[in-house]
């Protein structure tokens, strides 16, 4: 992830301060997130989304490195997509029963 962000910054001649201004992400957050790969991967998606937009790309590209491909594709409701630390995507097709269990679990984390 970090490598892709830094490459886009270089390509567009955008430094960290400019990226903070364009993305409206605090400068300290930008510096922390872009200090190393681990920090970059730990950065919340809600923070990475405006960074990607400021760099003229998608969050999908930042995460997976796959240009023009969305992780949202044409999947059935019982599809789970897992993105590993290395950006590798794994797609799982699960039963209706398992989908209900996963849905109930994820709803526990839903913000009101």
N, C-alpha and C. Protein backbone atom coordinates (compact mmCIF):
# COMPACT_ATOMS: atom_id res chain seq x y z
N UNK A 1 0.82 -1.20 0.00
CA UNK A 1 0.00 0.00 0.00
C UNK A 1 0.86 1.26 0.00
N UNK A 2 1.79 1.29 0.92
CA UNK A 2 2.64 2.47 1.05
C UNK A 2 3.39 2.76 -0.25
N UNK A 3 3.90 1.71 -0.86
CA UNK A 3 4.65 1.87 -2.11
C UNK A 3 3.78 2.51 -3.20
N UNK A 4 2.53 2.08 -3.29
CA UNK A 4 1.62 2.64 -4.30
C UNK A 4 1.31 4.12 -4.01
N UNK A 5 1.09 4.43 -2.75
CA UNK A 5 0.80 5.83 -2.39
C UNK A 5 2.00 6.72 -2.70
N UNK A 6 3.19 6.27 -2.29
CA UNK A 6 4.39 7.08 -2.53
C UNK A 6 4.67 7.24 -4.02
N UNK A 7 4.41 6.18 -4.80
CA UNK A 7 4.61 6.27 -6.25
C UNK A 7 3.65 7.28 -6.87
N UNK A 8 2.40 7.27 -6.43
CA UNK A 8 1.42 8.25 -6.94
C UNK A 8 1.80 9.66 -6.52
N UNK A 9 2.27 9.82 -5.29
CA UNK A 9 2.70 11.14 -4.84
C UNK A 9 3.84 11.66 -5.70
N UNK A 10 4.80 10.79 -5.99
CA UNK A 10 5.95 11.18 -6.81
C UNK A 10 5.49 11.53 -8.23
N UNK A 11 4.63 10.67 -8.79
CA UNK A 11 4.12 10.89 -10.15
C UNK A 11 3.39 12.22 -10.27
N UNK A 12 2.66 12.60 -9.23
CA UNK A 12 1.86 13.82 -9.26
C UNK A 12 2.57 15.01 -8.61
N UNK A 13 3.81 14.76 -8.17
CA UNK A 13 4.61 15.81 -7.54
C UNK A 13 3.88 16.42 -6.34
N UNK A 14 3.38 15.53 -5.46
CA UNK A 14 2.65 15.95 -4.26
C UNK A 14 3.44 15.49 -3.04
N UNK A 15 3.78 16.43 -2.18
CA UNK A 15 4.47 16.04 -0.95
C UNK A 15 3.44 15.78 0.15
N UNK A 16 3.90 15.36 1.31
CA UNK A 16 2.99 14.99 2.40
C UNK A 16 2.15 16.18 2.87
N UNK A 17 2.75 17.35 2.93
CA UNK A 17 1.99 18.53 3.35
C UNK A 17 0.87 18.85 2.36
N UNK A 18 1.19 18.76 1.08
CA UNK A 18 0.18 19.03 0.04
C UNK A 18 -0.91 17.95 0.07
N UNK A 19 -0.51 16.70 0.29
CA UNK A 19 -1.49 15.61 0.38
C UNK A 19 -2.45 15.84 1.53
N UNK A 20 -1.93 16.31 2.65
CA UNK A 20 -2.78 16.62 3.81
C UNK A 20 -3.79 17.71 3.44
N UNK A 21 -3.33 18.73 2.75
CA UNK A 21 -4.23 19.83 2.36
C UNK A 21 -5.28 19.35 1.37
N UNK A 22 -4.86 18.58 0.37
CA UNK A 22 -5.80 18.11 -0.65
C UNK A 22 -6.82 17.13 -0.09
N UNK A 23 -6.38 16.27 0.80
CA UNK A 23 -7.26 15.22 1.33
C UNK A 23 -8.05 15.67 2.56
N UNK A 24 -7.62 16.79 3.14
CA UNK A 24 -8.22 17.29 4.39
C UNK A 24 -8.02 16.30 5.54
N UNK A 25 -6.96 15.51 5.45
CA UNK A 25 -6.54 14.61 6.53
C UNK A 25 -5.45 15.34 7.30
N UNK A 26 -5.51 15.36 8.62
CA UNK A 26 -4.49 16.08 9.39
C UNK A 26 -3.06 15.68 8.99
N UNK A 27 -2.20 16.67 8.93
CA UNK A 27 -0.81 16.46 8.53
C UNK A 27 -0.13 15.40 9.39
N UNK A 28 -0.39 15.42 10.68
CA UNK A 28 0.24 14.44 11.57
C UNK A 28 -0.22 13.01 11.23
N UNK A 29 -1.47 12.88 10.82
CA UNK A 29 -1.98 11.57 10.42
C UNK A 29 -1.30 11.11 9.14
N UNK A 30 -1.15 12.01 8.19
CA UNK A 30 -0.47 11.68 6.93
C UNK A 30 0.95 11.22 7.22
N UNK A 31 1.68 11.99 8.01
CA UNK A 31 3.08 11.65 8.31
C UNK A 31 3.17 10.30 9.02
N UNK A 32 2.25 10.04 9.94
CA UNK A 32 2.27 8.77 10.65
C UNK A 32 1.93 7.61 9.72
N UNK A 33 0.86 7.76 8.95
CA UNK A 33 0.40 6.69 8.06
C UNK A 33 1.45 6.36 7.01
N UNK A 34 2.17 7.36 6.55
CA UNK A 34 3.14 7.14 5.48
C UNK A 34 4.57 6.95 5.99
N UNK A 35 4.72 6.73 7.28
CA UNK A 35 6.06 6.55 7.84
C UNK A 35 6.61 5.15 7.60
N UNK A 36 5.71 4.16 7.53
CA UNK A 36 6.14 2.79 7.24
C UNK A 36 4.92 1.96 6.82
N UNK A 37 5.18 0.79 6.25
CA UNK A 37 4.11 -0.06 5.72
C UNK A 37 3.12 -0.48 6.80
N UNK A 38 3.63 -0.81 7.97
CA UNK A 38 2.74 -1.25 9.06
C UNK A 38 1.75 -0.16 9.44
N UNK A 39 2.24 1.06 9.61
CA UNK A 39 1.34 2.17 9.95
C UNK A 39 0.34 2.42 8.83
N UNK A 40 0.81 2.30 7.61
CA UNK A 40 -0.07 2.51 6.46
C UNK A 40 -1.21 1.51 6.48
N UNK A 41 -0.89 0.25 6.73
CA UNK A 41 -1.91 -0.81 6.74
C UNK A 41 -2.87 -0.67 7.93
N UNK A 42 -2.41 -0.07 9.01
CA UNK A 42 -3.25 0.11 10.19
C UNK A 42 -4.16 1.33 10.08
N UNK A 43 -3.93 2.16 9.08
CA UNK A 43 -4.72 3.38 8.92
C UNK A 43 -6.15 3.02 8.53
N UNK A 44 -7.10 3.68 9.16
CA UNK A 44 -8.52 3.39 8.92
C UNK A 44 -8.89 3.69 7.46
N UNK A 45 -9.81 2.87 6.94
CA UNK A 45 -10.27 3.07 5.57
C UNK A 45 -10.89 4.45 5.39
N UNK A 46 -11.57 4.94 6.40
CA UNK A 46 -12.19 6.26 6.31
C UNK A 46 -11.14 7.36 6.18
N UNK A 47 -9.91 7.08 6.60
CA UNK A 47 -8.81 8.01 6.42
C UNK A 47 -8.16 7.82 5.05
N UNK A 48 -8.06 6.58 4.61
CA UNK A 48 -7.41 6.29 3.33
C UNK A 48 -8.25 6.74 2.13
N UNK A 49 -9.57 6.72 2.28
CA UNK A 49 -10.45 7.09 1.16
C UNK A 49 -10.15 8.49 0.63
N UNK A 50 -10.09 9.54 1.48
CA UNK A 50 -9.78 10.87 0.94
C UNK A 50 -8.34 10.99 0.44
N UNK A 51 -7.43 10.19 0.98
CA UNK A 51 -6.06 10.18 0.48
C UNK A 51 -6.06 9.65 -0.95
N UNK A 52 -6.77 8.55 -1.17
CA UNK A 52 -6.87 7.99 -2.52
C UNK A 52 -7.49 9.00 -3.48
N UNK A 53 -8.56 9.64 -3.04
CA UNK A 53 -9.23 10.63 -3.90
C UNK A 53 -8.30 11.79 -4.23
N UNK A 54 -7.54 12.25 -3.25
CA UNK A 54 -6.60 13.35 -3.49
C UNK A 54 -5.51 12.97 -4.48
N UNK A 55 -5.22 11.68 -4.55
CA UNK A 55 -4.21 11.19 -5.49
C UNK A 55 -4.82 10.76 -6.82
N UNK A 56 -6.12 10.97 -6.96
CA UNK A 56 -6.79 10.67 -8.22
C UNK A 56 -6.93 9.18 -8.49
N UNK A 57 -7.07 8.40 -7.44
CA UNK A 57 -7.22 6.95 -7.61
C UNK A 57 -8.32 6.45 -6.70
N UNK A 58 -8.47 5.16 -6.65
CA UNK A 58 -9.50 4.56 -5.82
C UNK A 58 -8.88 3.89 -4.60
N UNK A 59 -9.69 3.69 -3.60
CA UNK A 59 -9.26 2.96 -2.42
C UNK A 59 -8.91 1.52 -2.82
N UNK A 60 -9.67 0.97 -3.76
CA UNK A 60 -9.38 -0.38 -4.25
C UNK A 60 -7.95 -0.48 -4.77
N UNK A 61 -7.53 0.53 -5.56
CA UNK A 61 -6.17 0.49 -6.10
C UNK A 61 -5.14 0.60 -4.98
N UNK A 62 -5.37 1.49 -4.04
CA UNK A 62 -4.43 1.64 -2.92
C UNK A 62 -4.27 0.32 -2.18
N UNK A 63 -5.38 -0.37 -1.93
CA UNK A 63 -5.35 -1.60 -1.16
C UNK A 63 -4.81 -2.78 -1.96
N UNK A 64 -5.34 -2.97 -3.18
CA UNK A 64 -5.03 -4.19 -3.93
C UNK A 64 -3.96 -4.01 -5.00
N UNK A 65 -3.79 -2.79 -5.46
CA UNK A 65 -2.85 -2.55 -6.56
C UNK A 65 -3.44 -2.90 -7.91
N UNK A 66 -4.69 -3.27 -7.93
CA UNK A 66 -5.34 -3.65 -9.18
C UNK A 66 -6.09 -2.44 -9.73
N UNK A 67 -5.61 -1.95 -10.83
CA UNK A 67 -6.18 -0.75 -11.44
C UNK A 67 -7.49 -1.06 -12.14
N UNK A 68 -8.48 -0.25 -11.85
CA UNK A 68 -9.75 -0.37 -12.54
C UNK A 68 -10.62 -1.51 -12.07
N UNK A 69 -10.21 -2.23 -11.07
CA UNK A 69 -11.03 -3.33 -10.57
C UNK A 69 -11.55 -2.97 -9.20
N UNK A 70 -12.81 -3.20 -9.03
CA UNK A 70 -13.44 -2.92 -7.75
C UNK A 70 -13.55 -4.20 -6.95
N UNK A 71 -13.44 -4.07 -5.63
CA UNK A 71 -13.66 -5.25 -4.79
C UNK A 71 -15.15 -5.50 -4.64
N UNK A 72 -15.97 -4.64 -5.23
CA UNK A 72 -17.41 -4.77 -5.06
C UNK A 72 -18.07 -5.56 -6.16
N UNK A 73 -17.56 -5.97 -7.16
CA UNK A 73 -18.07 -6.73 -8.28
C UNK A 73 -19.50 -7.24 -8.25
N UNK A 74 -19.76 -8.20 -9.05
CA UNK A 74 -21.08 -8.81 -9.22
C UNK A 74 -21.17 -10.05 -8.36
N UNK A 75 -21.29 -9.89 -7.08
CA UNK A 75 -21.30 -11.02 -6.17
C UNK A 75 -22.70 -11.25 -5.63
N UNK A 76 -22.97 -12.48 -5.22
CA UNK A 76 -24.26 -12.74 -4.60
C UNK A 76 -24.21 -12.29 -3.14
N UNK A 77 -25.36 -12.19 -2.48
CA UNK A 77 -25.38 -11.68 -1.10
C UNK A 77 -24.59 -12.53 -0.10
N UNK A 78 -24.27 -13.74 -0.45
CA UNK A 78 -23.53 -14.61 0.46
C UNK A 78 -22.05 -14.69 0.10
N UNK A 79 -21.52 -13.60 -0.39
CA UNK A 79 -20.10 -13.53 -0.74
C UNK A 79 -19.38 -12.71 0.31
N UNK A 80 -18.28 -13.23 0.79
CA UNK A 80 -17.42 -12.50 1.71
C UNK A 80 -16.07 -12.34 1.04
N UNK A 81 -15.56 -11.12 1.07
CA UNK A 81 -14.25 -10.85 0.50
C UNK A 81 -13.31 -10.49 1.63
N UNK A 82 -12.22 -11.20 1.71
CA UNK A 82 -11.20 -10.94 2.73
C UNK A 82 -9.97 -10.39 2.03
N UNK A 83 -9.44 -9.30 2.57
CA UNK A 83 -8.22 -8.72 2.02
C UNK A 83 -7.14 -8.86 3.07
N UNK A 84 -6.12 -9.66 2.77
CA UNK A 84 -5.04 -9.92 3.70
C UNK A 84 -4.07 -8.77 3.81
N UNK A 85 -3.16 -8.86 4.73
CA UNK A 85 -2.17 -7.81 4.95
C UNK A 85 -1.33 -7.53 3.71
N UNK A 86 -1.15 -8.54 2.87
CA UNK A 86 -0.35 -8.36 1.66
C UNK A 86 -1.19 -7.89 0.48
N UNK A 87 -2.48 -7.59 0.71
CA UNK A 87 -3.36 -7.11 -0.34
C UNK A 87 -4.03 -8.24 -1.12
N UNK A 88 -3.71 -9.48 -0.78
CA UNK A 88 -4.29 -10.63 -1.46
C UNK A 88 -5.77 -10.76 -1.12
N UNK A 89 -6.62 -10.86 -2.14
CA UNK A 89 -8.06 -11.02 -1.93
C UNK A 89 -8.43 -12.50 -1.94
N UNK A 90 -9.29 -12.88 -1.02
CA UNK A 90 -9.87 -14.22 -1.00
C UNK A 90 -11.37 -14.05 -0.98
N UNK A 91 -12.05 -14.76 -1.86
CA UNK A 91 -13.50 -14.67 -1.97
C UNK A 91 -14.12 -15.96 -1.46
N UNK A 92 -15.06 -15.82 -0.54
CA UNK A 92 -15.74 -16.96 0.05
C UNK A 92 -17.21 -16.91 -0.31
N UNK A 93 -17.77 -18.01 -0.75
CA UNK A 93 -19.21 -18.15 -0.95
C UNK A 93 -19.71 -18.99 0.21
N UNK A 94 -20.67 -18.45 0.97
CA UNK A 94 -21.13 -19.15 2.18
C UNK A 94 -22.63 -19.43 2.09
N UNK A 95 -23.08 -20.34 2.93
CA UNK A 95 -24.50 -20.72 2.95
C UNK A 95 -25.35 -19.61 3.55
N UNK A 96 -26.66 -19.68 3.34
CA UNK A 96 -27.58 -18.71 3.92
C UNK A 96 -27.48 -18.71 5.45
N UNK A 97 -27.36 -19.89 6.02
CA UNK A 97 -27.24 -20.01 7.48
C UNK A 97 -25.98 -19.32 7.99
N UNK A 98 -24.85 -19.57 7.33
CA UNK A 98 -23.60 -18.93 7.73
C UNK A 98 -23.64 -17.42 7.50
N UNK A 99 -24.30 -17.00 6.43
CA UNK A 99 -24.43 -15.57 6.15
C UNK A 99 -25.20 -14.87 7.27
N UNK A 100 -26.24 -15.52 7.79
CA UNK A 100 -27.02 -14.94 8.89
C UNK A 100 -26.16 -14.80 10.14
N UNK A 101 -25.29 -15.77 10.39
CA UNK A 101 -24.40 -15.71 11.55
C UNK A 101 -23.39 -14.57 11.39
N UNK A 102 -22.81 -14.46 10.20
CA UNK A 102 -21.85 -13.38 9.95
C UNK A 102 -22.53 -12.03 10.06
N UNK A 103 -23.73 -11.91 9.49
CA UNK A 103 -24.47 -10.66 9.55
C UNK A 103 -24.77 -10.25 10.99
N UNK A 104 -25.20 -11.21 11.81
CA UNK A 104 -25.49 -10.92 13.22
C UNK A 104 -24.21 -10.47 13.94
N UNK A 105 -23.12 -11.12 13.64
CA UNK A 105 -21.84 -10.75 14.27
C UNK A 105 -21.43 -9.33 13.86
N UNK A 106 -21.48 -9.02 12.57
CA UNK A 106 -21.06 -7.69 12.10
C UNK A 106 -21.98 -6.58 12.60
N UNK A 107 -23.24 -6.88 12.77
CA UNK A 107 -24.18 -5.87 13.27
C UNK A 107 -23.84 -5.42 14.68
N UNK A 108 -23.11 -6.23 15.42
CA UNK A 108 -22.69 -5.84 16.76
C UNK A 108 -21.73 -4.65 16.72
N UNK A 109 -21.06 -4.45 15.57
CA UNK A 109 -20.08 -3.38 15.43
C UNK A 109 -20.64 -2.17 14.71
N UNK A 110 -21.87 -2.24 14.28
CA UNK A 110 -22.49 -1.17 13.52
C UNK A 110 -22.68 0.05 14.42
N UNK A 111 -22.32 1.21 13.88
CA UNK A 111 -22.52 2.46 14.62
C UNK A 111 -23.92 2.96 14.37
N UNK A 112 -24.57 3.42 15.40
CA UNK A 112 -25.94 3.93 15.26
C UNK A 112 -25.94 5.33 14.73
